[in-house]
PDB file of N, CA and C in Angstrom:
ATOM      1  N   MET A   1       7.515 -53.662 -21.094  1.00  0.00           N
ATOM      2  CA  MET A   1       6.528 -53.477 -20.068  1.00  0.00           C
ATOM      3  C   MET A   1       7.174 -53.130 -18.719  1.00  0.00           C
ATOM      4  N   ARG A   2       8.339 -53.621 -18.470  1.00  0.00           N
ATOM      5  CA  ARG A   2       8.986 -53.266 -17.203  1.00  0.00           C
ATOM      6  C   ARG A   2       9.400 -51.821 -17.127  1.00  0.00           C
ATOM      7  N   ILE A   3       9.630 -51.211 -18.219  1.00  0.00           N
ATOM      8  CA  ILE A   3      10.014 -49.793 -18.234  1.00  0.00           C
ATOM      9  C   ILE A   3       8.809 -48.911 -17.923  1.00  0.00           C
ATOM     10  N   ALA A   4       7.662 -49.287 -18.416  1.00  0.00           N
ATOM     11  CA  ALA A   4       6.485 -48.419 -18.259  1.00  0.00           C
ATOM     12  C   ALA A   4       6.005 -48.392 -16.776  1.00  0.00           C
ATOM     13  N   ALA A   5       6.095 -49.499 -16.081  1.00  0.00           N
ATOM     14  CA  ALA A   5       5.578 -49.511 -14.712  1.00  0.00           C
ATOM     15  C   ALA A   5       6.361 -48.578 -13.756  1.00  0.00           C
ATOM     16  N   PRO A   6       7.670 -48.568 -13.760  1.00  0.00           N
ATOM     17  CA  PRO A   6       8.349 -47.592 -12.859  1.00  0.00           C
ATOM     18  C   PRO A   6       8.030 -46.157 -13.297  1.00  0.00           C
ATOM     19  N   TYR A   7       7.911 -45.897 -14.613  1.00  0.00           N
ATOM     20  CA  TYR A   7       7.596 -44.550 -15.086  1.00  0.00           C
ATOM     21  C   TYR A   7       6.226 -44.131 -14.512  1.00  0.00           C
ATOM     22  N   ARG A   8       5.252 -45.023 -14.612  1.00  0.00           N
ATOM     23  CA  ARG A   8       3.916 -44.662 -14.101  1.00  0.00           C
ATOM     24  C   ARG A   8       3.937 -44.426 -12.609  1.00  0.00           C
ATOM     25  N   LEU A   9       4.667 -45.228 -11.851  1.00  0.00           N
ATOM     26  CA  LEU A   9       4.751 -45.035 -10.429  1.00  0.00           C
ATOM     27  C   LEU A   9       5.421 -43.722 -10.104  1.00  0.00           C
ATOM     28  N   ARG A  10       6.511 -43.423 -10.791  1.00  0.00           N
ATOM     29  CA  ARG A  10       7.216 -42.142 -10.599  1.00  0.00           C
ATOM     30  C   ARG A  10       6.285 -40.964 -10.946  1.00  0.00           C
ATOM     31  N   ARG A  11       5.565 -41.076 -12.040  1.00  0.00           N
ATOM     32  CA  ARG A  11       4.626 -40.027 -12.461  1.00  0.00           C
ATOM     33  C   ARG A  11       3.513 -39.815 -11.408  1.00  0.00           C
ATOM     34  N   TRP A  12       2.988 -40.940 -10.886  1.00  0.00           N
ATOM     35  CA  TRP A  12       1.936 -40.839  -9.908  1.00  0.00           C
ATOM     36  C   TRP A  12       2.450 -40.112  -8.643  1.00  0.00           C
ATOM     37  N   ALA A  13       3.671 -40.460  -8.242  1.00  0.00           N
ATOM     38  CA  ALA A  13       4.286 -39.852  -7.028  1.00  0.00           C
ATOM     39  C   ALA A  13       4.483 -38.360  -7.288  1.00  0.00           C
ATOM     40  N   GLN A  14       4.883 -38.038  -8.488  1.00  0.00           N
ATOM     41  CA  GLN A  14       5.061 -36.580  -8.800  1.00  0.00           C
ATOM     42  C   GLN A  14       3.751 -35.860  -8.836  1.00  0.00           C
ATOM     43  N   ASP A  15       2.709 -36.459  -9.398  1.00  0.00           N
ATOM     44  CA  ASP A  15       1.371 -35.840  -9.403  1.00  0.00           C
ATOM     45  C   ASP A  15       0.851 -35.623  -7.996  1.00  0.00           C
ATOM     46  N   ALA A  16       1.069 -36.622  -7.141  1.00  0.00           N
ATOM     47  CA  ALA A  16       0.638 -36.486  -5.749  1.00  0.00           C
ATOM     48  C   ALA A  16       1.400 -35.340  -5.044  1.00  0.00           C
ATOM     49  N   ALA A  17       2.682 -35.222  -5.270  1.00  0.00           N
ATOM     50  CA  ALA A  17       3.434 -34.161  -4.674  1.00  0.00           C
ATOM     51  C   ALA A  17       3.008 -32.822  -5.189  1.00  0.00           C
ATOM     52  N   ASP A  18       2.742 -32.725  -6.485  1.00  0.00           N
ATOM     53  CA  ASP A  18       2.319 -31.433  -7.101  1.00  0.00           C
ATOM     54  C   ASP A  18       0.974 -31.034  -6.552  1.00  0.00           C
ATOM     55  N   SER A  19       0.089 -31.973  -6.267  1.00  0.00           N
ATOM     56  CA  SER A  19      -1.258 -31.607  -5.799  1.00  0.00           C
ATOM     57  C   SER A  19      -1.305 -31.282  -4.302  1.00  0.00           C
ATOM     58  N   GLY A  20      -0.185 -31.480  -3.621  1.00  0.00           N
ATOM     59  CA  GLY A  20      -0.152 -31.127  -2.188  1.00  0.00           C
ATOM     60  C   GLY A  20      -0.690 -32.227  -1.304  1.00  0.00           C
ATOM     61  N   VAL A  21      -0.961 -33.385  -1.831  1.00  0.00           N
ATOM     62  CA  VAL A  21      -1.479 -34.491  -1.030  1.00  0.00           C
ATOM     63  C   VAL A  21      -0.492 -34.798   0.093  1.00  0.00           C
ATOM     64  N   GLY A  22      -0.948 -34.795   1.314  1.00  0.00           N
ATOM     65  CA  GLY A  22      -0.078 -35.136   2.462  1.00  0.00           C
ATOM     66  C   GLY A  22       0.758 -33.989   2.935  1.00  0.00           C
ATOM     67  N   SER A  23       0.592 -32.802   2.377  1.00  0.00           N
ATOM     68  CA  SER A  23       1.375 -31.694   2.845  1.00  0.00           C
ATOM     69  C   SER A  23       0.451 -30.549   3.319  1.00  0.00           C
ATOM     70  N   VAL A  24       1.010 -29.683   4.169  1.00  0.00           N
ATOM     71  CA  VAL A  24       0.241 -28.579   4.676  1.00  0.00           C
ATOM     72  C   VAL A  24       0.950 -27.288   4.242  1.00  0.00           C
ATOM     73  N   ALA A  25       0.231 -26.410   3.596  1.00  0.00           N
ATOM     74  CA  ALA A  25       0.792 -25.166   3.117  1.00  0.00           C
ATOM     75  C   ALA A  25       1.262 -24.281   4.255  1.00  0.00           C
ATOM     76  N   PRO A  26       2.321 -23.517   4.059  1.00  0.00           N
ATOM     77  CA  PRO A  26       2.816 -22.635   5.133  1.00  0.00           C
ATOM     78  C   PRO A  26       1.766 -21.700   5.648  1.00  0.00           C
ATOM     79  N   GLU A  27       0.905 -21.202   4.749  1.00  0.00           N
ATOM     80  CA  GLU A  27      -0.167 -20.287   5.157  1.00  0.00           C
ATOM     81  C   GLU A  27      -1.163 -20.956   6.100  1.00  0.00           C
ATOM     82  N   GLU A  28      -1.388 -22.230   5.886  1.00  0.00           N
ATOM     83  CA  GLU A  28      -2.293 -22.978   6.741  1.00  0.00           C
ATOM     84  C   GLU A  28      -1.674 -23.152   8.129  1.00  0.00           C
ATOM     85  N   VAL A  29      -0.415 -23.478   8.142  1.00  0.00           N
ATOM     86  CA  VAL A  29       0.314 -23.580   9.460  1.00  0.00           C
ATOM     87  C   VAL A  29       0.226 -22.277  10.201  1.00  0.00           C
ATOM     88  N   GLU A  30       0.400 -21.151   9.496  1.00  0.00           N
ATOM     89  CA  GLU A  30       0.383 -19.865  10.171  1.00  0.00           C
ATOM     90  C   GLU A  30      -1.021 -19.604  10.760  1.00  0.00           C
ATOM     91  N   LYS A  31      -2.082 -19.950  10.070  1.00  0.00           N
ATOM     92  CA  LYS A  31      -3.448 -19.775  10.575  1.00  0.00           C
ATOM     93  C   LYS A  31      -3.638 -20.638  11.813  1.00  0.00           C
ATOM     94  N   TYR A  32      -3.169 -21.861  11.760  1.00  0.00           N
ATOM     95  CA  TYR A  32      -3.308 -22.799  12.874  1.00  0.00           C
ATOM     96  C   TYR A  32      -2.574 -22.269  14.114  1.00  0.00           C
ATOM     97  N   VAL A  33      -1.351 -21.801  13.921  1.00  0.00           N
ATOM     98  CA  VAL A  33      -0.530 -21.269  15.010  1.00  0.00           C
ATOM     99  C   VAL A  33      -1.225 -20.017  15.565  1.00  0.00           C
ATOM    100  N   ALA A  34      -1.744 -19.168  14.708  1.00  0.00           N
ATOM    101  CA  ALA A  34      -2.417 -17.967  15.136  1.00  0.00           C
ATOM    102  C   ALA A  34      -3.591 -18.261  16.017  1.00  0.00           C
ATOM    103  N   VAL A  35      -4.310 -19.317  15.764  1.00  0.00           N
ATOM    104  CA  VAL A  35      -5.461 -19.685  16.603  1.00  0.00           C
ATOM    105  C   VAL A  35      -4.962 -20.014  18.005  1.00  0.00           C
ATOM    106  N   TYR A  36      -3.934 -20.813  18.097  1.00  0.00           N
ATOM    107  CA  TYR A  36      -3.413 -21.178  19.431  1.00  0.00           C
ATOM    108  C   TYR A  36      -2.735 -20.032  20.172  1.00  0.00           C
ATOM    109  N   LYS A  37      -2.080 -19.184  19.437  1.00  0.00           N
ATOM    110  CA  LYS A  37      -1.437 -17.973  20.033  1.00  0.00           C
ATOM    111  C   LYS A  37      -2.527 -17.072  20.629  1.00  0.00           C
ATOM    112  N   ALA A  38      -3.641 -16.904  19.894  1.00  0.00           N
ATOM    113  CA  ALA A  38      -4.753 -16.096  20.368  1.00  0.00           C
ATOM    114  C   ALA A  38      -5.315 -16.694  21.650  1.00  0.00           C
ATOM    115  N   MET A  39      -5.422 -17.985  21.711  1.00  0.00           N
ATOM    116  CA  MET A  39      -5.965 -18.622  22.946  1.00  0.00           C
ATOM    117  C   MET A  39      -4.936 -18.576  24.091  1.00  0.00           C
ATOM    118  N   GLN A  40      -3.627 -18.522  23.751  1.00  0.00           N
ATOM    119  CA  GLN A  40      -2.634 -18.332  24.830  1.00  0.00           C
ATOM    120  C   GLN A  40      -2.755 -16.930  25.409  1.00  0.00           C
ATOM    121  N   ARG A  41      -2.968 -15.942  24.583  1.00  0.00           N
ATOM    122  CA  ARG A  41      -3.107 -14.561  25.061  1.00  0.00           C
ATOM    123  C   ARG A  41      -4.378 -14.346  25.831  1.00  0.00           C
ATOM    124  N   ASP A  42      -5.465 -14.938  25.358  1.00  0.00           N
ATOM    125  CA  ASP A  42      -6.778 -14.746  26.023  1.00  0.00           C
ATOM    126  C   ASP A  42      -7.332 -16.113  26.384  1.00  0.00           C
ATOM    127  N   ARG A  43      -7.127 -16.486  27.608  1.00  0.00           N
ATOM    128  CA  ARG A  43      -7.519 -17.802  28.066  1.00  0.00           C
ATOM    129  C   ARG A  43      -9.046 -18.071  28.010  1.00  0.00           C
ATOM    130  N   SER A  44      -9.847 -16.987  27.914  1.00  0.00           N
ATOM    131  CA  SER A  44     -11.301 -17.192  27.852  1.00  0.00           C
ATOM    132  C   SER A  44     -11.824 -17.413  26.407  1.00  0.00           C
ATOM    133  N   LEU A  45     -10.876 -17.279  25.451  1.00  0.00           N
ATOM    134  CA  LEU A  45     -11.242 -17.456  24.032  1.00  0.00           C
ATOM    135  C   LEU A  45     -11.434 -18.897  23.675  1.00  0.00           C
ATOM    136  N   SER A  46     -12.554 -19.204  23.067  1.00  0.00           N
ATOM    137  CA  SER A  46     -12.841 -20.589  22.653  1.00  0.00           C
ATOM    138  C   SER A  46     -12.107 -20.905  21.326  1.00  0.00           C
ATOM    139  N   VAL A  47     -11.952 -22.148  21.080  1.00  0.00           N
ATOM    140  CA  VAL A  47     -11.318 -22.538  19.825  1.00  0.00           C
ATOM    141  C   VAL A  47     -12.180 -22.083  18.633  1.00  0.00           C
ATOM    142  N   GLN A  48     -13.428 -22.211  18.781  1.00  0.00           N
ATOM    143  CA  GLN A  48     -14.365 -21.773  17.720  1.00  0.00           C
ATOM    144  C   GLN A  48     -14.193 -20.319  17.419  1.00  0.00           C
ATOM    145  N   ARG A  49     -14.175 -19.436  18.423  1.00  0.00           N
ATOM    146  CA  ARG A  49     -14.010 -17.987  18.184  1.00  0.00           C
ATOM    147  C   ARG A  49     -12.618 -17.647  17.649  1.00  0.00           C
ATOM    148  N   ALA A  50     -11.600 -18.302  18.158  1.00  0.00           N
ATOM    149  CA  ALA A  50     -10.231 -18.063  17.672  1.00  0.00           C
ATOM    150  C   ALA A  50     -10.119 -18.497  16.265  1.00  0.00           C
ATOM    151  N   ALA A  51     -10.668 -19.597  15.891  1.00  0.00           N
ATOM    152  CA  ALA A  51     -10.630 -20.085  14.514  1.00  0.00           C
ATOM    153  C   ALA A  51     -11.391 -19.166  13.560  1.00  0.00           C
ATOM    154  N   ALA A  52     -12.566 -18.704  14.027  1.00  0.00           N
ATOM    155  CA  ALA A  52     -13.346 -17.751  13.235  1.00  0.00           C
ATOM    156  C   ALA A  52     -12.575 -16.506  12.915  1.00  0.00           C
ATOM    157  N   ARG A  53     -11.752 -16.057  13.827  1.00  0.00           N
ATOM    158  CA  ARG A  53     -10.934 -14.857  13.563  1.00  0.00           C
ATOM    159  C   ARG A  53      -9.910 -15.071  12.436  1.00  0.00           C
ATOM    160  N   GLN A  54      -9.600 -16.369  12.204  1.00  0.00           N
ATOM    161  CA  GLN A  54      -8.697 -16.730  11.096  1.00  0.00           C
ATOM    162  C   GLN A  54      -9.476 -17.100   9.807  1.00  0.00           C
ATOM    163  N   GLY A  55     -10.794 -16.972   9.869  1.00  0.00           N
ATOM    164  CA  GLY A  55     -11.630 -17.332   8.733  1.00  0.00           C
ATOM    165  C   GLY A  55     -11.901 -18.788   8.571  1.00  0.00           C
ATOM    166  N   LEU A  56     -11.815 -19.535   9.696  1.00  0.00           N
ATOM    167  CA  LEU A  56     -12.016 -20.977   9.697  1.00  0.00           C
ATOM    168  C   LEU A  56     -13.253 -21.342  10.549  1.00  0.00           C
ATOM    169  N   THR A  57     -14.043 -22.284  10.091  1.00  0.00           N
ATOM    170  CA  THR A  57     -15.032 -22.854  10.921  1.00  0.00           C
ATOM    171  C   THR A  57     -14.333 -23.855  11.917  1.00  0.00           C
ATOM    172  N   LEU A  58     -15.040 -24.281  12.914  1.00  0.00           N
ATOM    173  CA  LEU A  58     -14.455 -25.254  13.829  1.00  0.00           C
ATOM    174  C   LEU A  58     -14.122 -26.558  13.069  1.00  0.00           C
ATOM    175  N   ASP A  59     -14.983 -26.995  12.187  1.00  0.00           N
ATOM    176  CA  ASP A  59     -14.736 -28.209  11.404  1.00  0.00           C
ATOM    177  C   ASP A  59     -13.502 -28.058  10.507  1.00  0.00           C
ATOM    178  N   GLN A  60     -13.350 -26.879   9.880  1.00  0.00           N
ATOM    179  CA  GLN A  60     -12.198 -26.635   9.049  1.00  0.00           C
ATOM    180  C   GLN A  60     -10.893 -26.629   9.891  1.00  0.00           C
ATOM    181  N   PHE A  61     -11.008 -26.045  11.066  1.00  0.00           N
ATOM    182  CA  PHE A  61      -9.866 -25.982  11.956  1.00  0.00           C
ATOM    183  C   PHE A  61      -9.425 -27.425  12.378  1.00  0.00           C
ATOM    184  N   ARG A  62     -10.414 -28.238  12.738  1.00  0.00           N
ATOM    185  CA  ARG A  62     -10.154 -29.601  13.177  1.00  0.00           C
ATOM    186  C   ARG A  62      -9.568 -30.414  12.021  1.00  0.00           C
ATOM    187  N   ALA A  63     -10.067 -30.235  10.813  1.00  0.00           N
ATOM    188  CA  ALA A  63      -9.523 -30.939   9.667  1.00  0.00           C
ATOM    189  C   ALA A  63      -8.077 -30.526   9.416  1.00  0.00           C
ATOM    190  N   LEU A  64      -7.786 -29.212   9.534  1.00  0.00           N
ATOM    191  CA  LEU A  64      -6.439 -28.715   9.371  1.00  0.00           C
ATOM    192  C   LEU A  64      -5.555 -29.307  10.494  1.00  0.00           C
ATOM    193  N   GLU A  65      -6.022 -29.376  11.691  1.00  0.00           N
ATOM    194  CA  GLU A  65      -5.302 -29.959  12.834  1.00  0.00           C
ATOM    195  C   GLU A  65      -4.957 -31.414  12.533  1.00  0.00           C
ATOM    196  N   SER A  66      -5.905 -32.101  12.000  1.00  0.00           N
ATOM    197  CA  SER A  66      -5.663 -33.538  11.602  1.00  0.00           C
ATOM    198  C   SER A  66      -4.581 -33.666  10.548  1.00  0.00           C
ATOM    199  N   ARG A  67      -4.612 -32.801   9.548  1.00  0.00           N
ATOM    200  CA  ARG A  67      -3.561 -32.832   8.502  1.00  0.00           C
ATOM    201  C   ARG A  67      -2.204 -32.513   9.094  1.00  0.00           C
ATOM    202  N   ILE A  68      -2.132 -31.521   9.964  1.00  0.00           N
ATOM    203  CA  ILE A  68      -0.876 -31.119  10.567  1.00  0.00           C
ATOM    204  C   ILE A  68      -0.296 -32.278  11.398  1.00  0.00           C
ATOM    205  N   GLU A  69      -1.182 -32.996  12.104  1.00  0.00           N
ATOM    206  CA  GLU A  69      -0.743 -34.149  12.925  1.00  0.00           C
ATOM    207  C   GLU A  69      -0.108 -35.191  12.081  1.00  0.00           C
ATOM    208  N   ARG A  70      -0.530 -35.359  10.820  1.00  0.00           N
ATOM    209  CA  ARG A  70       0.012 -36.397   9.916  1.00  0.00           C
ATOM    210  C   ARG A  70       1.246 -35.937   9.140  1.00  0.00           C
ATOM    211  N   ASP A  71       1.565 -34.661   9.223  1.00  0.00           N
ATOM    212  CA  ASP A  71       2.665 -34.079   8.505  1.00  0.00           C
ATOM    213  C   ASP A  71       3.779 -33.741   9.428  1.00  0.00           C
ATOM    214  N   ASP A  72       4.835 -34.551   9.431  1.00  0.00           N
ATOM    215  CA  ASP A  72       5.909 -34.390  10.413  1.00  0.00           C
ATOM    216  C   ASP A  72       6.540 -32.975  10.421  1.00  0.00           C
ATOM    217  N   ALA A  73       6.811 -32.436   9.258  1.00  0.00           N
ATOM    218  CA  ALA A  73       7.427 -31.118   9.198  1.00  0.00           C
ATOM    219  C   ALA A  73       6.512 -30.037   9.717  1.00  0.00           C
ATOM    220  N   ALA A  74       5.285 -30.088   9.352  1.00  0.00           N
ATOM    221  CA  ALA A  74       4.312 -29.077   9.792  1.00  0.00           C
ATOM    222  C   ALA A  74       4.095 -29.209  11.351  1.00  0.00           C
ATOM    223  N   ARG A  75       3.967 -30.429  11.816  1.00  0.00           N
ATOM    224  CA  ARG A  75       3.799 -30.657  13.235  1.00  0.00           C
ATOM    225  C   ARG A  75       4.967 -30.093  14.022  1.00  0.00           C
ATOM    226  N   GLU A  76       6.205 -30.311  13.554  1.00  0.00           N
ATOM    227  CA  GLU A  76       7.365 -29.813  14.251  1.00  0.00           C
ATOM    228  C   GLU A  76       7.444 -28.284  14.221  1.00  0.00           C
ATOM    229  N   ARG A  77       7.066 -27.725  13.087  1.00  0.00           N
ATOM    230  CA  ARG A  77       7.051 -26.263  12.975  1.00  0.00           C
ATOM    231  C   ARG A  77       6.084 -25.657  13.986  1.00  0.00           C
ATOM    232  N   VAL A  78       4.880 -26.213  14.049  1.00  0.00           N
ATOM    233  CA  VAL A  78       3.856 -25.767  14.983  1.00  0.00           C
ATOM    234  C   VAL A  78       4.343 -25.909  16.441  1.00  0.00           C
ATOM    235  N   ARG A  79       4.951 -26.997  16.746  1.00  0.00           N
ATOM    236  CA  ARG A  79       5.484 -27.245  18.076  1.00  0.00           C
ATOM    237  C   ARG A  79       6.508 -26.200  18.467  1.00  0.00           C
ATOM    238  N   GLN A  80       7.418 -25.915  17.557  1.00  0.00           N
ATOM    239  CA  GLN A  80       8.488 -24.932  17.846  1.00  0.00           C
ATOM    240  C   GLN A  80       7.899 -23.520  18.018  1.00  0.00           C
ATOM    241  N   GLU A  81       6.986 -23.124  17.171  1.00  0.00           N
ATOM    242  CA  GLU A  81       6.418 -21.831  17.247  1.00  0.00           C
ATOM    243  C   GLU A  81       5.585 -21.602  18.520  1.00  0.00           C
ATOM    244  N   LEU A  82       4.841 -22.601  18.872  1.00  0.00           N
ATOM    245  CA  LEU A  82       4.011 -22.482  20.106  1.00  0.00           C
ATOM    246  C   LEU A  82       4.870 -22.534  21.374  1.00  0.00           C
ATOM    247  N   GLN A  83       5.905 -23.345  21.376  1.00  0.00           N
ATOM    248  CA  GLN A  83       6.840 -23.351  22.545  1.00  0.00           C
ATOM    249  C   GLN A  83       7.556 -22.007  22.641  1.00  0.00           C
ATOM    250  N   SER A  84       7.967 -21.460  21.556  1.00  0.00           N
ATOM    251  CA  SER A  84       8.657 -20.155  21.561  1.00  0.00           C
ATOM    252  C   SER A  84       7.699 -19.098  22.093  1.00  0.00           C
ATOM    253  N   ALA A  85       6.462 -19.081  21.612  1.00  0.00           N
ATOM    254  CA  ALA A  85       5.478 -18.097  22.077  1.00  0.00           C
ATOM    255  C   ALA A  85       5.176 -18.256  23.589  1.00  0.00           C
ATOM    256  N   ALA A  86       5.117 -19.497  24.031  1.00  0.00           N
ATOM    257  CA  ALA A  86       4.831 -19.752  25.472  1.00  0.00           C
ATOM    258  C   ALA A  86       6.007 -19.277  26.332  1.00  0.00           C
ATOM    259  N   ALA A  87       7.199 -19.532  25.860  1.00  0.00           N
ATOM    260  CA  ALA A  87       8.399 -19.096  26.609  1.00  0.00           C
ATOM    261  C   ALA A  87       8.485 -17.571  26.696  1.00  0.00           C
ATOM    262  N   LYS A  88       8.107 -16.884  25.648  1.00  0.00           N
ATOM    263  CA  LYS A  88       8.123 -15.439  25.645  1.00  0.00           C
ATOM    264  C   LYS A  88       7.052 -14.823  26.584  1.00  0.00           C
ATOM    265  N   GLY A  89       5.983 -15.568  26.743  1.00  0.00           N
ATOM    266  CA  GLY A  89       4.864 -15.129  27.565  1.00  0.00           C
ATOM    267  C   GLY A  89       5.079 -15.280  29.047  1.00  0.00           C
ATOM    268  N   ARG A  90       6.133 -15.977  29.453  1.00  0.00           N
ATOM    269  CA  ARG A  90       6.380 -16.224  30.873  1.00  0.00           C
ATOM    270  C   ARG A  90       6.904 -15.022  31.559  1.00  0.00           C
TER     271      ARG A  90
END
């Protein structure tokens, strides 16, 4: 019985990783960054309109934002891309 428990735990962790639980796909990060870059270029653009241009409703965008905030790698990638874009715009 001791052998089965670690196997089940390892299998559950693998299943969670395979299903993308807790991770943000690179395409989603790109959409998120594109929304903010659009708003940097056009200060009058609302989040709702910028998100719609990426095929996202405001609720979908906010849900994605929440997932990115919980994903360290995605959050860091977003931060770097937006800082780079802001520096180029100066």
